[in-house]
Amino acid sequence: MAGSPDVPQISVSACPADALLLDVREPEEWVAGHAPGAQHIPLGDLPARVGEVPRDRQVVAVCRSGGRSAGATGWLAEQGYDAINLDGGMTAWAAAGRPMESETGGPPTVA
């Protein structure tokens, strides 16, 4: 899956509350910590599971630092989605103090 390197970016502070946060990280990264309400589809699974991504709202793609999600954003845009990349990824999300949760029973981390 190739995406354009010139994909639109959005900062954590400008991320709309009603946007769908699409987390494209690997399962172990998701389990360690993710945004509440985010949708998890690992990047490698996205082409097969794209039908699970709603088309009726903006999609903000996120990974750890923004590289994988930039590829996802470009590809989703090619499929007709209103997609934008979260600049800095979950690292920036956590640094901004935005809410996170984990599936480990411990405090959430960005893995």
PDB file of N, CA and C in Angstrom:
ATOM      1  N   MET A   1       0.861  -1.163   0.000  1.00  0.00           N
ATOM      2  CA  MET A   1       0.000   0.000   0.000  1.00  0.00           C
ATOM      3  C   MET A   1       0.907   1.225   0.000  1.00  0.00           C
ATOM      4  N   ALA A   2       0.878   1.964  -1.063  1.00  0.00           N
ATOM      5  CA  ALA A   2       1.692   3.171  -1.141  1.00  0.00           C
ATOM      6  C   ALA A   2       0.793   4.384  -1.023  1.00  0.00           C
ATOM      7  N   GLY A   3       1.247   5.353  -0.292  1.00  0.00           N
ATOM      8  CA  GLY A   3       0.520   6.607  -0.159  1.00  0.00           C
ATOM      9  C   GLY A   3       1.426   7.743  -0.564  1.00  0.00           C
ATOM     10  N   SER A   4       0.868   8.862  -0.895  1.00  0.00           N
ATOM     11  CA  SER A   4       1.653  10.027  -1.267  1.00  0.00           C
ATOM     12  C   SER A   4       2.369  10.572  -0.042  1.00  0.00           C
ATOM     13  N   PRO A   5       3.637  10.996  -0.206  1.00  0.00           N
ATOM     14  CA  PRO A   5       4.319  11.591   0.938  1.00  0.00           C
ATOM     15  C   PRO A   5       3.751  12.976   1.293  1.00  0.00           C
ATOM     16  N   ASP A   6       3.002  13.570   0.391  1.00  0.00           N
ATOM     17  CA  ASP A   6       2.431  14.900   0.614  1.00  0.00           C
ATOM     18  C   ASP A   6       0.971  14.796   1.042  1.00  0.00           C
ATOM     19  N   VAL A   7       0.715  14.094   2.124  1.00  0.00           N
ATOM     20  CA  VAL A   7      -0.654  13.926   2.603  1.00  0.00           C
ATOM     21  C   VAL A   7      -1.002  15.055   3.562  1.00  0.00           C
ATOM     22  N   PRO A   8      -2.278  15.394   3.663  1.00  0.00           N
ATOM     23  CA  PRO A   8      -2.681  16.428   4.617  1.00  0.00           C
ATOM     24  C   PRO A   8      -2.429  15.967   6.051  1.00  0.00           C
ATOM     25  N   GLN A   9      -2.026  16.911   6.891  1.00  0.00           N
ATOM     26  CA  GLN A   9      -1.706  16.639   8.295  1.00  0.00           C
ATOM     27  C   GLN A   9      -2.591  17.503   9.181  1.00  0.00           C
ATOM     28  N   ILE A  10      -2.841  17.019  10.375  1.00  0.00           N
ATOM     29  CA  ILE A  10      -3.560  17.806  11.370  1.00  0.00           C
ATOM     30  C   ILE A  10      -2.838  17.637  12.706  1.00  0.00           C
ATOM     31  N   SER A  11      -2.763  18.715  13.465  1.00  0.00           N
ATOM     32  CA  SER A  11      -2.126  18.630  14.774  1.00  0.00           C
ATOM     33  C   SER A  11      -3.101  18.023  15.783  1.00  0.00           C
ATOM     34  N   VAL A  12      -2.558  17.531  16.875  1.00  0.00           N
ATOM     35  CA  VAL A  12      -3.399  16.974  17.934  1.00  0.00           C
ATOM     36  C   VAL A  12      -4.392  18.026  18.423  1.00  0.00           C
ATOM     37  N   SER A  13      -3.926  19.259  18.613  1.00  0.00           N
ATOM     38  CA  SER A  13      -4.805  20.303  19.145  1.00  0.00           C
ATOM     39  C   SER A  13      -5.925  20.683  18.188  1.00  0.00           C
ATOM     40  N   ALA A  14      -5.731  20.455  16.887  1.00  0.00           N
ATOM     41  CA  ALA A  14      -6.754  20.799  15.894  1.00  0.00           C
ATOM     42  C   ALA A  14      -7.640  19.617  15.515  1.00  0.00           C
ATOM     43  N   CYS A  15      -7.389  18.458  16.091  1.00  0.00           N
ATOM     44  CA  CYS A  15      -8.146  17.250  15.735  1.00  0.00           C
ATOM     45  C   CYS A  15      -9.600  17.400  16.183  1.00  0.00           C
ATOM     46  N   PRO A  16     -10.553  17.336  15.235  1.00  0.00           N
ATOM     47  CA  PRO A  16     -11.965  17.502  15.590  1.00  0.00           C
ATOM     48  C   PRO A  16     -12.461  16.390  16.516  1.00  0.00           C
ATOM     49  N   ALA A  17     -13.262  16.756  17.474  1.00  0.00           N
ATOM     50  CA  ALA A  17     -13.786  15.784  18.432  1.00  0.00           C
ATOM     51  C   ALA A  17     -14.644  14.716  17.757  1.00  0.00           C
ATOM     52  N   ASP A  18     -15.296  15.075  16.635  1.00  0.00           N
ATOM     53  CA  ASP A  18     -16.192  14.120  15.981  1.00  0.00           C
ATOM     54  C   ASP A  18     -15.512  13.321  14.873  1.00  0.00           C
ATOM     55  N   ALA A  19     -14.218  13.517  14.676  1.00  0.00           N
ATOM     56  CA  ALA A  19     -13.508  12.750  13.654  1.00  0.00           C
ATOM     57  C   ALA A  19     -13.316  11.316  14.141  1.00  0.00           C
ATOM     58  N   LEU A  20     -13.221  10.406  13.198  1.00  0.00           N
ATOM     59  CA  LEU A  20     -12.915   9.019  13.531  1.00  0.00           C
ATOM     60  C   LEU A  20     -11.405   8.881  13.581  1.00  0.00           C
ATOM     61  N   LEU A  21     -10.876   8.488  14.725  1.00  0.00           N
ATOM     62  CA  LEU A  21      -9.452   8.229  14.858  1.00  0.00           C
ATOM     63  C   LEU A  21      -9.230   6.772  14.457  1.00  0.00           C
ATOM     64  N   LEU A  22      -8.507   6.570  13.354  1.00  0.00           N
ATOM     65  CA  LEU A  22      -8.228   5.234  12.839  1.00  0.00           C
ATOM     66  C   LEU A  22      -6.788   4.882  13.174  1.00  0.00           C
ATOM     67  N   ASP A  23      -6.612   3.980  14.115  1.00  0.00           N
ATOM     68  CA  ASP A  23      -5.295   3.576  14.594  1.00  0.00           C
ATOM     69  C   ASP A  23      -4.808   2.415  13.726  1.00  0.00           C
ATOM     70  N   VAL A  24      -3.712   2.628  12.989  1.00  0.00           N
ATOM     71  CA  VAL A  24      -3.211   1.614  12.059  1.00  0.00           C
ATOM     72  C   VAL A  24      -1.980   0.886  12.605  1.00  0.00           C
ATOM     73  N   ARG A  25      -1.734   1.007  13.917  1.00  0.00           N
ATOM     74  CA  ARG A  25      -0.579   0.334  14.514  1.00  0.00           C
ATOM     75  C   ARG A  25      -0.830  -1.167  14.669  1.00  0.00           C
ATOM     76  N   GLU A  26       0.227  -1.863  15.009  1.00  0.00           N
ATOM     77  CA  GLU A  26       0.157  -3.307  15.216  1.00  0.00           C
ATOM     78  C   GLU A  26      -0.604  -3.619  16.515  1.00  0.00           C
ATOM     79  N   PRO A  27      -1.153  -4.837  16.621  1.00  0.00           N
ATOM     80  CA  PRO A  27      -1.955  -5.178  17.799  1.00  0.00           C
ATOM     81  C   PRO A  27      -1.255  -4.927  19.139  1.00  0.00           C
ATOM     82  N   GLU A  28       0.042  -5.254  19.243  1.00  0.00           N
ATOM     83  CA  GLU A  28       0.719  -5.053  20.532  1.00  0.00           C
ATOM     84  C   GLU A  28       0.852  -3.565  20.869  1.00  0.00           C
ATOM     85  N   GLU A  29       0.954  -2.706  19.865  1.00  0.00           N
ATOM     86  CA  GLU A  29       1.000  -1.263  20.102  1.00  0.00           C
ATOM     87  C   GLU A  29      -0.357  -0.761  20.603  1.00  0.00           C
ATOM     88  N   TRP A  30      -1.426  -1.257  19.975  1.00  0.00           N
ATOM     89  CA  TRP A  30      -2.798  -0.898  20.369  1.00  0.00           C
ATOM     90  C   TRP A  30      -3.066  -1.281  21.814  1.00  0.00           C
ATOM     91  N   VAL A  31      -2.690  -2.519  22.184  1.00  0.00           N
ATOM     92  CA  VAL A  31      -2.937  -3.029  23.529  1.00  0.00           C
ATOM     93  C   VAL A  31      -2.228  -2.163  24.577  1.00  0.00           C
ATOM     94  N   ALA A  32      -1.021  -1.691  24.261  1.00  0.00           N
ATOM     95  CA  ALA A  32      -0.240  -0.887  25.216  1.00  0.00           C
ATOM     96  C   ALA A  32      -0.909   0.449  25.514  1.00  0.00           C
ATOM     97  N   GLY A  33      -1.529   1.059  24.494  1.00  0.00           N
ATOM     98  CA  GLY A  33      -2.197   2.335  24.720  1.00  0.00           C
ATOM     99  C   GLY A  33      -2.763   2.915  23.456  1.00  0.00           C
ATOM    100  N   HIS A  34      -4.003   3.376  23.544  1.00  0.00           N
ATOM    101  CA  HIS A  34      -4.680   3.973  22.395  1.00  0.00           C
ATOM    102  C   HIS A  34      -5.691   5.012  22.873  1.00  0.00           C
ATOM    103  N   ALA A  35      -6.179   5.794  21.931  1.00  0.00           N
ATOM    104  CA  ALA A  35      -7.181   6.806  22.252  1.00  0.00           C
ATOM    105  C   ALA A  35      -8.538   6.137  22.463  1.00  0.00           C
ATOM    106  N   PRO A  36      -9.287   6.558  23.485  1.00  0.00           N
ATOM    107  CA  PRO A  36     -10.635   6.010  23.683  1.00  0.00           C
ATOM    108  C   PRO A  36     -11.496   6.277  22.449  1.00  0.00           C
ATOM    109  N   GLY A  37     -12.242   5.271  22.037  1.00  0.00           N
ATOM    110  CA  GLY A  37     -13.145   5.423  20.901  1.00  0.00           C
ATOM    111  C   GLY A  37     -12.494   5.276  19.545  1.00  0.00           C
ATOM    112  N   ALA A  38     -11.174   5.094  19.509  1.00  0.00           N
ATOM    113  CA  ALA A  38     -10.495   4.918  18.222  1.00  0.00           C
ATOM    114  C   ALA A  38     -10.878   3.572  17.610  1.00  0.00           C
ATOM    115  N   GLN A  39     -10.770   3.498  16.301  1.00  0.00           N
ATOM    116  CA  GLN A  39     -11.000   2.241  15.585  1.00  0.00           C
ATOM    117  C   GLN A  39      -9.633   1.660  15.252  1.00  0.00           C
ATOM    118  N   HIS A  40      -9.434   0.374  15.490  1.00  0.00           N
ATOM    119  CA  HIS A  40      -8.139  -0.260  15.248  1.00  0.00           C
ATOM    120  C   HIS A  40      -8.207  -1.177  14.034  1.00  0.00           C
ATOM    121  N   ILE A  41      -7.447  -0.825  13.009  1.00  0.00           N
ATOM    122  CA  ILE A  41      -7.244  -1.702  11.862  1.00  0.00           C
ATOM    123  C   ILE A  41      -5.755  -1.603  11.516  1.00  0.00           C
ATOM    124  N   PRO A  42      -4.965  -2.642  11.793  1.00  0.00           N
ATOM    125  CA  PRO A  42      -3.547  -2.578  11.458  1.00  0.00           C
ATOM    126  C   PRO A  42      -3.342  -2.253   9.969  1.00  0.00           C
ATOM    127  N   LEU A  43      -2.288  -1.509   9.687  1.00  0.00           N
ATOM    128  CA  LEU A  43      -2.034  -1.049   8.319  1.00  0.00           C
ATOM    129  C   LEU A  43      -2.073  -2.184   7.309  1.00  0.00           C
ATOM    130  N   GLY A  44      -1.466  -3.299   7.628  1.00  0.00           N
ATOM    131  CA  GLY A  44      -1.441  -4.424   6.695  1.00  0.00           C
ATOM    132  C   GLY A  44      -2.808  -5.016   6.409  1.00  0.00           C
ATOM    133  N   ASP A  45      -3.760  -4.807   7.313  1.00  0.00           N
ATOM    134  CA  ASP A  45      -5.121  -5.331   7.147  1.00  0.00           C
ATOM    135  C   ASP A  45      -6.060  -4.329   6.472  1.00  0.00           C
ATOM    136  N   LEU A  46      -5.611  -3.091   6.338  1.00  0.00           N
ATOM    137  CA  LEU A  46      -6.512  -2.028   5.872  1.00  0.00           C
ATOM    138  C   LEU A  46      -7.131  -2.298   4.501  1.00  0.00           C
ATOM    139  N   PRO A  47      -6.373  -2.748   3.492  1.00  0.00           N
ATOM    140  CA  PRO A  47      -7.033  -2.988   2.198  1.00  0.00           C
ATOM    141  C   PRO A  47      -8.177  -3.998   2.277  1.00  0.00           C
ATOM    142  N   ALA A  48      -8.007  -5.047   3.074  1.00  0.00           N
ATOM    143  CA  ALA A  48      -9.046  -6.070   3.191  1.00  0.00           C
ATOM    144  C   ALA A  48     -10.207  -5.618   4.067  1.00  0.00           C
ATOM    145  N   ARG A  49      -9.954  -4.665   4.980  1.00  0.00           N
ATOM    146  CA  ARG A  49     -10.977  -4.268   5.948  1.00  0.00           C
ATOM    147  C   ARG A  49     -11.486  -2.845   5.742  1.00  0.00           C
ATOM    148  N   VAL A  50     -11.139  -2.221   4.614  1.00  0.00           N
ATOM    149  CA  VAL A  50     -11.506  -0.821   4.390  1.00  0.00           C
ATOM    150  C   VAL A  50     -13.014  -0.599   4.470  1.00  0.00           C
ATOM    151  N   GLY A  51     -13.799  -1.610   4.175  1.00  0.00           N
ATOM    152  CA  GLY A  51     -15.249  -1.496   4.260  1.00  0.00           C
ATOM    153  C   GLY A  51     -15.744  -1.223   5.672  1.00  0.00           C
ATOM    154  N   GLU A  52     -14.905  -1.468   6.685  1.00  0.00           N
ATOM    155  CA  GLU A  52     -15.268  -1.209   8.076  1.00  0.00           C
ATOM    156  C   GLU A  52     -15.097   0.267   8.444  1.00  0.00           C
ATOM    157  N   VAL A  53     -14.426   1.032   7.581  1.00  0.00           N
ATOM    158  CA  VAL A  53     -14.163   2.447   7.862  1.00  0.00           C
ATOM    159  C   VAL A  53     -15.346   3.265   7.347  1.00  0.00           C
ATOM    160  N   PRO A  54     -16.036   4.000   8.231  1.00  0.00           N
ATOM    161  CA  PRO A  54     -17.189   4.768   7.788  1.00  0.00           C
ATOM    162  C   PRO A  54     -16.796   5.892   6.833  1.00  0.00           C
ATOM    163  N   ARG A  55     -17.656   6.143   5.865  1.00  0.00           N
ATOM    164  CA  ARG A  55     -17.406   7.191   4.881  1.00  0.00           C
ATOM    165  C   ARG A  55     -18.106   8.500   5.237  1.00  0.00           C
ATOM    166  N   ASP A  56     -18.912   8.503   6.302  1.00  0.00           N
ATOM    167  CA  ASP A  56     -19.743   9.672   6.602  1.00  0.00           C
ATOM    168  C   ASP A  56     -19.096  10.658   7.563  1.00  0.00           C
ATOM    169  N   ARG A  57     -17.812  10.490   7.850  1.00  0.00           N
ATOM    170  CA  ARG A  57     -17.107  11.436   8.714  1.00  0.00           C
ATOM    171  C   ARG A  57     -15.634  11.460   8.364  1.00  0.00           C
ATOM    172  N   GLN A  58     -14.961  12.500   8.827  1.00  0.00           N
ATOM    173  CA  GLN A  58     -13.541  12.601   8.551  1.00  0.00           C
ATOM    174  C   GLN A  58     -12.796  11.501   9.295  1.00  0.00           C
ATOM    175  N   VAL A  59     -11.797  10.927   8.627  1.00  0.00           N
ATOM    176  CA  VAL A  59     -10.960   9.893   9.206  1.00  0.00           C
ATOM    177  C   VAL A  59      -9.596  10.502   9.499  1.00  0.00           C
ATOM    178  N   VAL A  60      -9.175  10.432  10.759  1.00  0.00           N
ATOM    179  CA  VAL A  60      -7.845  10.887  11.151  1.00  0.00           C
ATOM    180  C   VAL A  60      -7.024   9.636  11.422  1.00  0.00           C
ATOM    181  N   ALA A  61      -6.071   9.355  10.531  1.00  0.00           N
ATOM    182  CA  ALA A  61      -5.238   8.162  10.676  1.00  0.00           C
ATOM    183  C   ALA A  61      -4.100   8.446  11.649  1.00  0.00           C
ATOM    184  N   VAL A  62      -3.780   7.444  12.485  1.00  0.00           N
ATOM    185  CA  VAL A  62      -2.744   7.607  13.497  1.00  0.00           C
ATOM    186  C   VAL A  62      -1.925   6.326  13.631  1.00  0.00           C
ATOM    187  N   CYS A  63      -0.616   6.502  13.830  1.00  0.00           N
ATOM    188  CA  CYS A  63       0.270   5.400  14.193  1.00  0.00           C
ATOM    189  C   CYS A  63       1.132   5.901  15.348  1.00  0.00           C
ATOM    190  N   ARG A  64       2.328   5.376  15.534  1.00  0.00           N
ATOM    191  CA  ARG A  64       3.153   5.834  16.646  1.00  0.00           C
ATOM    192  C   ARG A  64       3.675   7.252  16.419  1.00  0.00           C
ATOM    193  N   SER A  65       4.242   7.501  15.213  1.00  0.00           N
ATOM    194  CA  SER A  65       4.852   8.818  14.982  1.00  0.00           C
ATOM    195  C   SER A  65       4.346   9.535  13.738  1.00  0.00           C
ATOM    196  N   GLY A  66       3.569   8.873  12.896  1.00  0.00           N
ATOM    197  CA  GLY A  66       2.977   9.527  11.737  1.00  0.00           C
ATOM    198  C   GLY A  66       3.394   8.981  10.390  1.00  0.00           C
ATOM    199  N   GLY A  67       4.363   8.090  10.343  1.00  0.00           N
ATOM    200  CA  GLY A  67       4.837   7.546   9.068  1.00  0.00           C
ATOM    201  C   GLY A  67       3.872   6.544   8.442  1.00  0.00           C
ATOM    202  N   ARG A  68       3.525   5.504   9.186  1.00  0.00           N
ATOM    203  CA  ARG A  68       2.595   4.496   8.654  1.00  0.00           C
ATOM    204  C   ARG A  68       1.231   5.105   8.380  1.00  0.00           C
ATOM    205  N   SER A  69       0.789   5.994   9.271  1.00  0.00           N
ATOM    206  CA  SER A  69      -0.525   6.602   9.077  1.00  0.00           C
ATOM    207  C   SER A  69      -0.535   7.546   7.883  1.00  0.00           C
ATOM    208  N   ALA A  70       0.616   8.120   7.523  1.00  0.00           N
ATOM    209  CA  ALA A  70       0.685   8.948   6.311  1.00  0.00           C
ATOM    210  C   ALA A  70       0.397   8.085   5.086  1.00  0.00           C
ATOM    211  N   GLY A  71       0.960   6.880   5.059  1.00  0.00           N
ATOM    212  CA  GLY A  71       0.670   5.949   3.964  1.00  0.00           C
ATOM    213  C   GLY A  71      -0.791   5.559   3.935  1.00  0.00           C
ATOM    214  N   ALA A  72      -1.362   5.308   5.115  1.00  0.00           N
ATOM    215  CA  ALA A  72      -2.779   4.966   5.195  1.00  0.00           C
ATOM    216  C   ALA A  72      -3.646   6.131   4.728  1.00  0.00           C
ATOM    217  N   THR A  73      -3.277   7.348   5.116  1.00  0.00           N
ATOM    218  CA  THR A  73      -4.042   8.537   4.724  1.00  0.00           C
ATOM    219  C   THR A  73      -4.064   8.692   3.216  1.00  0.00           C
ATOM    220  N   GLY A  74      -2.900   8.584   2.588  1.00  0.00           N
ATOM    221  CA  GLY A  74      -2.827   8.700   1.126  1.00  0.00           C
ATOM    222  C   GLY A  74      -3.664   7.638   0.438  1.00  0.00           C
ATOM    223  N   TRP A  75      -3.577   6.416   0.926  1.00  0.00           N
ATOM    224  CA  TRP A  75      -4.334   5.329   0.320  1.00  0.00           C
ATOM    225  C   TRP A  75      -5.835   5.514   0.516  1.00  0.00           C
ATOM    226  N   LEU A  76      -6.244   5.904   1.720  1.00  0.00           N
ATOM    227  CA  LEU A  76      -7.664   6.139   1.969  1.00  0.00           C
ATOM    228  C   LEU A  76      -8.198   7.262   1.086  1.00  0.00           C
ATOM    229  N   ALA A  77      -7.413   8.314   0.912  1.00  0.00           N
ATOM    230  CA  ALA A  77      -7.836   9.414   0.038  1.00  0.00           C
ATOM    231  C   ALA A  77      -8.037   8.920  -1.390  1.00  0.00           C
ATOM    232  N   GLU A  78      -7.158   8.038  -1.841  1.00  0.00           N
ATOM    233  CA  GLU A  78      -7.306   7.454  -3.181  1.00  0.00           C
ATOM    234  C   GLU A  78      -8.591   6.631  -3.290  1.00  0.00           C
ATOM    235  N   GLN A  79      -9.079   6.107  -2.175  1.00  0.00           N
ATOM    236  CA  GLN A  79     -10.320   5.316  -2.155  1.00  0.00           C
ATOM    237  C   GLN A  79     -11.551   6.198  -1.978  1.00  0.00           C
ATOM    238  N   GLY A  80     -11.352   7.511  -1.884  1.00  0.00           N
ATOM    239  CA  GLY A  80     -12.479   8.432  -1.780  1.00  0.00           C
ATOM    240  C   GLY A  80     -12.838   8.861  -0.364  1.00  0.00           C
ATOM    241  N   TYR A  81     -12.004   8.527   0.610  1.00  0.00           N
ATOM    242  CA  TYR A  81     -12.267   8.921   1.994  1.00  0.00           C
ATOM    243  C   TYR A  81     -11.768  10.331   2.261  1.00  0.00           C
ATOM    244  N   ASP A  82     -12.422  11.020   3.194  1.00  0.00           N
ATOM    245  CA  ASP A  82     -11.956  12.304   3.697  1.00  0.00           C
ATOM    246  C   ASP A  82     -10.980  11.963   4.814  1.00  0.00           C
ATOM    247  N   ALA A  83      -9.699  11.808   4.454  1.00  0.00           N
ATOM    248  CA  ALA A  83      -8.699  11.319   5.398  1.00  0.00           C
ATOM    249  C   ALA A  83      -7.599  12.351   5.605  1.00  0.00           C
ATOM    250  N   ILE A  84      -7.084  12.379   6.826  1.00  0.00           N
ATOM    251  CA  ILE A  84      -6.008  13.284   7.193  1.00  0.00           C
ATOM    252  C   ILE A  84      -5.118  12.557   8.199  1.00  0.00           C
ATOM    253  N   ASN A  85      -3.837  12.870   8.175  1.00  0.00           N
ATOM    254  CA  ASN A  85      -2.865  12.210   9.041  1.00  0.00           C
ATOM    255  C   ASN A  85      -2.673  13.003  10.334  1.00  0.00           C
ATOM    256  N   LEU A  86      -2.612  12.309  11.474  1.00  0.00           N
ATOM    257  CA  LEU A  86      -2.348  12.970  12.746  1.00  0.00           C
ATOM    258  C   LEU A  86      -0.847  13.212  12.863  1.00  0.00           C
ATOM    259  N   ASP A  87      -0.458  14.464  12.788  1.00  0.00           N
ATOM    260  CA  ASP A  87       0.946  14.859  12.835  1.00  0.00           C
ATOM    261  C   ASP A  87       1.557  14.451  14.176  1.00  0.00           C
ATOM    262  N   GLY A  88       2.609  13.657  14.124  1.00  0.00           N
ATOM    263  CA  GLY A  88       3.274  13.209  15.356  1.00  0.00           C
ATOM    264  C   GLY A  88       2.706  11.951  15.961  1.00  0.00           C
ATOM    265  N   GLY A  89       1.573  11.478  15.446  1.00  0.00           N
ATOM    266  CA  GLY A  89       0.988  10.222  15.883  1.00  0.00           C
ATOM    267  C   GLY A  89       0.645  10.161  17.366  1.00  0.00           C
ATOM    268  N   MET A  90       0.620   8.940  17.881  1.00  0.00           N
ATOM    269  CA  MET A  90       0.264   8.735  19.292  1.00  0.00           C
ATOM    270  C   MET A  90       1.314   9.314  20.231  1.00  0.00           C
ATOM    271  N   THR A  91       2.541   9.468  19.749  1.00  0.00           N
ATOM    272  CA  THR A  91       3.570  10.103  20.567  1.00  0.00           C
ATOM    273  C   THR A  91       3.153  11.540  20.876  1.00  0.00           C
ATOM    274  N   ALA A  92       2.701  12.265  19.853  1.00  0.00           N
ATOM    275  CA  ALA A  92       2.232  13.642  20.044  1.00  0.00           C
ATOM    276  C   ALA A  92       0.940  13.668  20.853  1.00  0.00           C
ATOM    277  N   TRP A  93       0.049  12.705  20.616  1.00  0.00           N
ATOM    278  CA  TRP A  93      -1.211  12.603  21.357  1.00  0.00           C
ATOM    279  C   TRP A  93      -0.933  12.499  22.861  1.00  0.00           C
ATOM    280  N   ALA A  94      -0.034  11.582  23.230  1.00  0.00           N
ATOM    281  CA  ALA A  94       0.296  11.378  24.640  1.00  0.00           C
ATOM    282  C   ALA A  94       0.994  12.615  25.212  1.00  0.00           C
ATOM    283  N   ALA A  95       1.915  13.208  24.453  1.00  0.00           N
ATOM    284  CA  ALA A  95       2.640  14.390  24.923  1.00  0.00           C
ATOM    285  C   ALA A  95       1.706  15.569  25.172  1.00  0.00           C
ATOM    286  N   ALA A  96       0.591  15.618  24.414  1.00  0.00           N
ATOM    287  CA  ALA A  96      -0.387  16.695  24.582  1.00  0.00           C
ATOM    288  C   ALA A  96      -1.331  16.436  25.752  1.00  0.00           C
ATOM    289  N   GLY A  97      -1.185  15.273  26.392  1.00  0.00           N
ATOM    290  CA  GLY A  97      -2.026  14.960  27.543  1.00  0.00           C
ATOM    291  C   GLY A  97      -3.428  14.522  27.167  1.00  0.00           C
ATOM    292  N   ARG A  98      -3.615  14.101  25.911  1.00  0.00           N
ATOM    293  CA  ARG A  98      -4.937  13.633  25.484  1.00  0.00           C
ATOM    294  C   ARG A  98      -5.235  12.275  26.132  1.00  0.00           C
ATOM    295  N   PRO A  99      -6.516  11.936  26.308  1.00  0.00           N
ATOM    296  CA  PRO A  99      -6.849  10.691  27.004  1.00  0.00           C
ATOM    297  C   PRO A  99      -6.356   9.452  26.257  1.00  0.00           C
ATOM    298  N   MET A 100      -5.932   8.478  27.048  1.00  0.00           N
ATOM    299  CA  MET A 100      -5.501   7.186  26.517  1.00  0.00           C
ATOM    300  C   MET A 100      -5.992   6.092  27.452  1.00  0.00           C
ATOM    301  N   GLU A 101      -6.107   4.901  26.890  1.00  0.00           N
ATOM    302  CA  GLU A 101      -6.456   3.727  27.680  1.00  0.00           C
ATOM    303  C   GLU A 101      -5.626   2.555  27.176  1.00  0.00           C
ATOM    304  N   SER A 102      -5.503   1.528  28.009  1.00  0.00           N
ATOM    305  CA  SER A 102      -4.748   0.343  27.596  1.00  0.00           C
ATOM    306  C   SER A 102      -5.596  -0.898  27.822  1.00  0.00           C
ATOM    307  N   GLU A 103      -5.154  -1.973  27.227  1.00  0.00           N
ATOM    308  CA  GLU A 103      -5.825  -3.258  27.396  1.00  0.00           C
ATOM    309  C   GLU A 103      -5.019  -4.155  28.334  1.00  0.00           C
ATOM    310  N   THR A 104      -3.975  -3.610  28.953  1.00  0.00           N
ATOM    311  CA  THR A 104      -3.060  -4.415  29.764  1.00  0.00           C
ATOM    312  C   THR A 104      -3.450  -4.446  31.235  1.00  0.00           C
ATOM    313  N   GLY A 105      -4.325  -3.559  31.654  1.00  0.00           N
ATOM    314  CA  GLY A 105      -4.641  -3.432  33.071  1.00  0.00           C
ATOM    315  C   GLY A 105      -3.725  -2.436  33.764  1.00  0.00           C
ATOM    316  N   GLY A 106      -2.688  -2.004  33.070  1.00  0.00           N
ATOM    317  CA  GLY A 106      -1.773  -1.005  33.610  1.00  0.00           C
ATOM    318  C   GLY A 106      -1.986   0.334  32.932  1.00  0.00           C
ATOM    319  N   PRO A 107      -1.164   1.311  33.278  1.00  0.00           N
ATOM    320  CA  PRO A 107      -1.292   2.611  32.641  1.00  0.00           C
ATOM    321  C   PRO A 107      -0.963   2.545  31.155  1.00  0.00           C
ATOM    322  N   PRO A 108      -1.640   3.341  30.338  1.00  0.00           N
ATOM    323  CA  PRO A 108      -1.382   3.308  28.901  1.00  0.00           C
ATOM    324  C   PRO A 108      -0.024   3.896  28.561  1.00  0.00           C
ATOM    325  N   THR A 109       0.599   3.318  27.551  1.00  0.00           N
ATOM    326  CA  THR A 109       1.877   3.807  27.040  1.00  0.00           C
ATOM    327  C   THR A 109       1.829   3.801  25.522  1.00  0.00           C
ATOM    328  N   VAL A 110       2.710   4.564  24.908  1.00  0.00           N
ATOM    329  CA  VAL A 110       2.871   4.516  23.452  1.00  0.00           C
ATOM    330  C   VAL A 110       4.035   3.582  23.182  1.00  0.00           C
ATOM    331  N   ALA A 111       3.718   2.425  22.595  1.00  0.00           N
ATOM    332  CA  ALA A 111       4.752   1.409  22.340  1.00  0.00           C
ATOM    333  C   ALA A 111       5.265   1.517  20.923  1.00  0.00           C
TER     334      ALA A 111
END
